């Protein structure tokens, strides 16, 4: 079981808002991907998986590619609780 920054339970299928992604982590990516990851902050995503007490979200960026990130509790806020 995982929780958001407000201690709300987050499940697969929940919608979460990404509040923060560590800039040091973002800087490890190539420029194009780093821009896409930065733009994920403030957006809402569906949780597609949960592993290691983190929520997996995916951001498509063209017809064939996407970026998936595991988001920590303090980096997300539950929008609804499907």
N, C-alpha and C. Protein backbone atom coordinates (compact mmCIF):
# COMPACT_ATOMS: atom_id res chain seq x y z
N UNK A 1 0.84 -1.16 0.00
CA UNK A 1 0.00 0.00 0.00
C UNK A 1 0.90 1.25 0.00
N UNK A 2 0.52 2.24 -0.83
CA UNK A 2 1.28 3.50 -0.85
C UNK A 2 0.32 4.67 -0.63
N UNK A 3 0.90 5.80 -0.24
CA UNK A 3 0.12 6.98 0.08
C UNK A 3 0.74 8.21 -0.57
N UNK A 4 -0.11 9.21 -0.83
CA UNK A 4 0.39 10.48 -1.37
C UNK A 4 0.89 11.37 -0.24
N UNK A 5 1.26 12.59 -0.56
CA UNK A 5 1.82 13.51 0.45
C UNK A 5 0.83 13.86 1.55
N UNK A 6 -0.47 13.66 1.28
CA UNK A 6 -1.51 13.96 2.27
C UNK A 6 -1.99 12.71 2.99
N UNK A 7 -1.26 11.61 2.82
CA UNK A 7 -1.58 10.32 3.45
C UNK A 7 -2.85 9.68 2.90
N UNK A 8 -3.21 9.99 1.64
CA UNK A 8 -4.32 9.33 0.96
C UNK A 8 -3.77 8.11 0.24
N UNK A 9 -4.50 7.00 0.31
CA UNK A 9 -4.04 5.77 -0.34
C UNK A 9 -4.09 5.93 -1.87
N UNK A 10 -3.02 5.51 -2.52
CA UNK A 10 -2.91 5.55 -3.98
C UNK A 10 -2.89 4.11 -4.48
N UNK A 11 -3.72 3.83 -5.49
CA UNK A 11 -3.84 2.49 -6.05
C UNK A 11 -3.61 2.55 -7.56
N UNK A 12 -3.43 1.39 -8.17
CA UNK A 12 -3.39 1.33 -9.63
C UNK A 12 -4.73 1.84 -10.15
N UNK A 13 -4.68 2.74 -11.10
CA UNK A 13 -5.88 3.36 -11.65
C UNK A 13 -6.19 4.71 -11.03
N UNK A 14 -5.58 5.03 -9.89
CA UNK A 14 -5.77 6.36 -9.28
C UNK A 14 -5.18 7.43 -10.18
N UNK A 15 -5.76 8.61 -10.11
CA UNK A 15 -5.20 9.77 -10.82
C UNK A 15 -4.42 10.58 -9.79
N UNK A 16 -3.17 10.89 -10.14
CA UNK A 16 -2.32 11.67 -9.24
C UNK A 16 -1.77 12.88 -9.98
N UNK A 17 -1.51 13.92 -9.23
CA UNK A 17 -0.82 15.10 -9.75
C UNK A 17 0.63 15.01 -9.32
N UNK A 18 1.54 15.15 -10.28
CA UNK A 18 2.98 15.13 -9.96
C UNK A 18 3.34 16.52 -9.44
N UNK A 19 3.85 16.57 -8.21
CA UNK A 19 4.17 17.84 -7.56
C UNK A 19 5.63 18.24 -7.71
N UNK A 20 6.50 17.26 -7.86
CA UNK A 20 7.94 17.54 -7.82
C UNK A 20 8.69 16.38 -8.45
N UNK A 21 9.73 16.70 -9.20
CA UNK A 21 10.70 15.71 -9.67
C UNK A 21 12.07 16.33 -9.44
N UNK A 22 12.92 15.62 -8.76
CA UNK A 22 14.25 16.12 -8.38
C UNK A 22 15.02 16.61 -9.61
N UNK A 23 15.42 17.88 -9.62
CA UNK A 23 16.18 18.43 -10.75
C UNK A 23 17.48 17.66 -11.02
N UNK A 24 18.12 17.14 -9.97
CA UNK A 24 19.33 16.34 -10.16
C UNK A 24 19.05 15.08 -10.95
N UNK A 25 17.89 14.47 -10.70
CA UNK A 25 17.48 13.29 -11.45
C UNK A 25 17.18 13.67 -12.90
N UNK A 26 16.47 14.75 -13.09
CA UNK A 26 16.12 15.20 -14.44
C UNK A 26 17.39 15.46 -15.26
N UNK A 27 18.40 16.02 -14.63
CA UNK A 27 19.63 16.37 -15.35
C UNK A 27 20.41 15.15 -15.84
N UNK A 28 20.05 13.96 -15.39
CA UNK A 28 20.74 12.74 -15.86
C UNK A 28 20.24 12.27 -17.22
N UNK A 29 19.19 12.90 -17.72
CA UNK A 29 18.61 12.51 -19.00
C UNK A 29 19.12 13.40 -20.12
N UNK A 30 19.08 12.89 -21.36
CA UNK A 30 19.40 13.74 -22.51
C UNK A 30 18.43 14.94 -22.55
N UNK A 31 18.84 15.99 -23.20
CA UNK A 31 18.11 17.26 -23.21
C UNK A 31 16.63 17.11 -23.56
N UNK A 32 16.32 16.39 -24.63
CA UNK A 32 14.93 16.24 -25.08
C UNK A 32 14.07 15.58 -24.00
N UNK A 33 14.56 14.47 -23.46
CA UNK A 33 13.82 13.76 -22.43
C UNK A 33 13.71 14.58 -21.15
N UNK A 34 14.77 15.31 -20.80
CA UNK A 34 14.75 16.16 -19.61
C UNK A 34 13.64 17.21 -19.70
N UNK A 35 13.47 17.81 -20.88
CA UNK A 35 12.40 18.80 -21.07
C UNK A 35 11.03 18.16 -20.86
N UNK A 36 10.85 16.96 -21.39
CA UNK A 36 9.58 16.26 -21.25
C UNK A 36 9.30 15.94 -19.78
N UNK A 37 10.32 15.48 -19.08
CA UNK A 37 10.16 15.14 -17.65
C UNK A 37 9.83 16.39 -16.84
N UNK A 38 10.50 17.51 -17.11
CA UNK A 38 10.20 18.76 -16.40
C UNK A 38 8.74 19.16 -16.58
N UNK A 39 8.22 18.94 -17.78
CA UNK A 39 6.83 19.31 -18.07
C UNK A 39 5.82 18.40 -17.39
N UNK A 40 6.27 17.28 -16.84
CA UNK A 40 5.37 16.37 -16.12
C UNK A 40 4.93 16.97 -14.78
N UNK A 41 5.74 17.85 -14.22
CA UNK A 41 5.41 18.47 -12.93
C UNK A 41 4.17 19.35 -13.10
N UNK A 42 3.20 19.15 -12.23
CA UNK A 42 1.96 19.91 -12.28
C UNK A 42 0.87 19.24 -13.10
N UNK A 43 1.19 18.15 -13.79
CA UNK A 43 0.21 17.45 -14.60
C UNK A 43 -0.35 16.24 -13.85
N UNK A 44 -1.50 15.77 -14.34
CA UNK A 44 -2.18 14.64 -13.75
C UNK A 44 -1.97 13.40 -14.60
N UNK A 45 -1.70 12.27 -13.92
CA UNK A 45 -1.44 11.01 -14.59
C UNK A 45 -2.18 9.88 -13.89
N UNK A 46 -2.49 8.85 -14.66
CA UNK A 46 -3.05 7.63 -14.08
C UNK A 46 -1.91 6.75 -13.59
N UNK A 47 -2.06 6.18 -12.42
CA UNK A 47 -1.07 5.24 -11.88
C UNK A 47 -1.27 3.92 -12.62
N UNK A 48 -0.22 3.47 -13.32
CA UNK A 48 -0.32 2.24 -14.10
C UNK A 48 0.28 1.03 -13.38
N UNK A 49 1.07 1.27 -12.35
CA UNK A 49 1.65 0.17 -11.57
C UNK A 49 2.16 0.75 -10.26
N UNK A 50 2.38 -0.14 -9.31
CA UNK A 50 2.97 0.25 -8.03
C UNK A 50 4.05 -0.77 -7.71
N UNK A 51 5.25 -0.28 -7.46
CA UNK A 51 6.38 -1.14 -7.08
C UNK A 51 7.26 -0.39 -6.11
N UNK A 52 7.80 -1.09 -5.15
CA UNK A 52 8.75 -0.51 -4.18
C UNK A 52 8.19 0.75 -3.53
N UNK A 53 6.88 0.70 -3.23
CA UNK A 53 6.18 1.81 -2.57
C UNK A 53 6.24 3.10 -3.38
N UNK A 54 6.23 2.98 -4.71
CA UNK A 54 6.21 4.12 -5.62
C UNK A 54 5.16 3.88 -6.69
N UNK A 55 4.60 4.98 -7.21
CA UNK A 55 3.58 4.91 -8.26
C UNK A 55 4.22 5.12 -9.62
N UNK A 56 3.91 4.24 -10.56
CA UNK A 56 4.44 4.36 -11.92
C UNK A 56 3.46 5.13 -12.79
N UNK A 57 3.96 6.19 -13.44
CA UNK A 57 3.18 6.96 -14.39
C UNK A 57 3.94 7.03 -15.71
N UNK A 58 3.21 7.24 -16.79
CA UNK A 58 3.82 7.26 -18.12
C UNK A 58 3.40 8.51 -18.88
N UNK A 59 4.40 9.13 -19.52
CA UNK A 59 4.18 10.32 -20.35
C UNK A 59 4.59 10.01 -21.78
N UNK A 60 3.62 9.83 -22.71
CA UNK A 60 4.00 9.64 -24.11
C UNK A 60 4.56 10.94 -24.67
N UNK A 61 5.53 10.82 -25.62
CA UNK A 61 6.05 12.05 -26.22
C UNK A 61 6.13 11.99 -27.72
N UNK A 62 5.81 10.90 -28.33
CA UNK A 62 5.56 10.83 -29.77
C UNK A 62 4.80 9.54 -30.03
N UNK A 63 4.60 9.20 -31.28
CA UNK A 63 3.77 8.05 -31.63
C UNK A 63 4.31 6.72 -31.09
N UNK A 64 5.60 6.61 -30.89
CA UNK A 64 6.19 5.33 -30.51
C UNK A 64 6.86 5.33 -29.14
N UNK A 65 7.11 6.49 -28.56
CA UNK A 65 7.93 6.55 -27.35
C UNK A 65 7.21 7.21 -26.19
N UNK A 66 7.63 6.81 -25.00
CA UNK A 66 7.10 7.41 -23.79
C UNK A 66 8.17 7.34 -22.70
N UNK A 67 7.94 8.08 -21.63
CA UNK A 67 8.81 8.03 -20.47
C UNK A 67 7.96 7.59 -19.30
N UNK A 68 8.43 6.59 -18.56
CA UNK A 68 7.74 6.12 -17.37
C UNK A 68 8.62 6.41 -16.17
N UNK A 69 7.99 6.94 -15.12
CA UNK A 69 8.71 7.28 -13.90
C UNK A 69 7.99 6.73 -12.69
N UNK A 70 8.77 6.31 -11.70
CA UNK A 70 8.21 5.97 -10.41
C UNK A 70 8.23 7.22 -9.54
N UNK A 71 7.08 7.55 -8.96
CA UNK A 71 6.91 8.77 -8.19
C UNK A 71 6.79 8.42 -6.70
N UNK A 72 7.58 9.09 -5.86
CA UNK A 72 7.53 8.90 -4.41
C UNK A 72 6.30 9.58 -3.81
N UNK A 73 5.94 9.16 -2.61
CA UNK A 73 4.77 9.70 -1.91
C UNK A 73 4.79 11.22 -1.82
N UNK A 74 5.92 11.80 -1.44
CA UNK A 74 5.99 13.26 -1.25
C UNK A 74 5.98 14.02 -2.57
N UNK A 75 6.09 13.31 -3.69
CA UNK A 75 6.11 13.95 -5.01
C UNK A 75 4.75 13.93 -5.70
N UNK A 76 3.71 13.39 -5.02
CA UNK A 76 2.41 13.27 -5.67
C UNK A 76 1.27 13.62 -4.74
N UNK A 77 0.14 13.95 -5.39
CA UNK A 77 -1.09 14.23 -4.67
C UNK A 77 -2.24 13.51 -5.37
N UNK A 78 -3.01 12.76 -4.62
CA UNK A 78 -4.15 12.03 -5.18
C UNK A 78 -5.20 13.00 -5.67
N UNK A 79 -5.69 12.76 -6.90
CA UNK A 79 -6.76 13.57 -7.47
C UNK A 79 -8.10 12.87 -7.27
N UNK A 80 -8.14 11.56 -7.48
CA UNK A 80 -9.33 10.76 -7.18
C UNK A 80 -8.88 9.40 -6.72
N UNK A 81 -9.80 8.60 -6.29
CA UNK A 81 -9.42 7.29 -5.74
C UNK A 81 -10.18 6.15 -6.39
N UNK A 82 -10.02 6.04 -7.72
CA UNK A 82 -10.68 4.93 -8.44
C UNK A 82 -10.56 3.71 -7.61
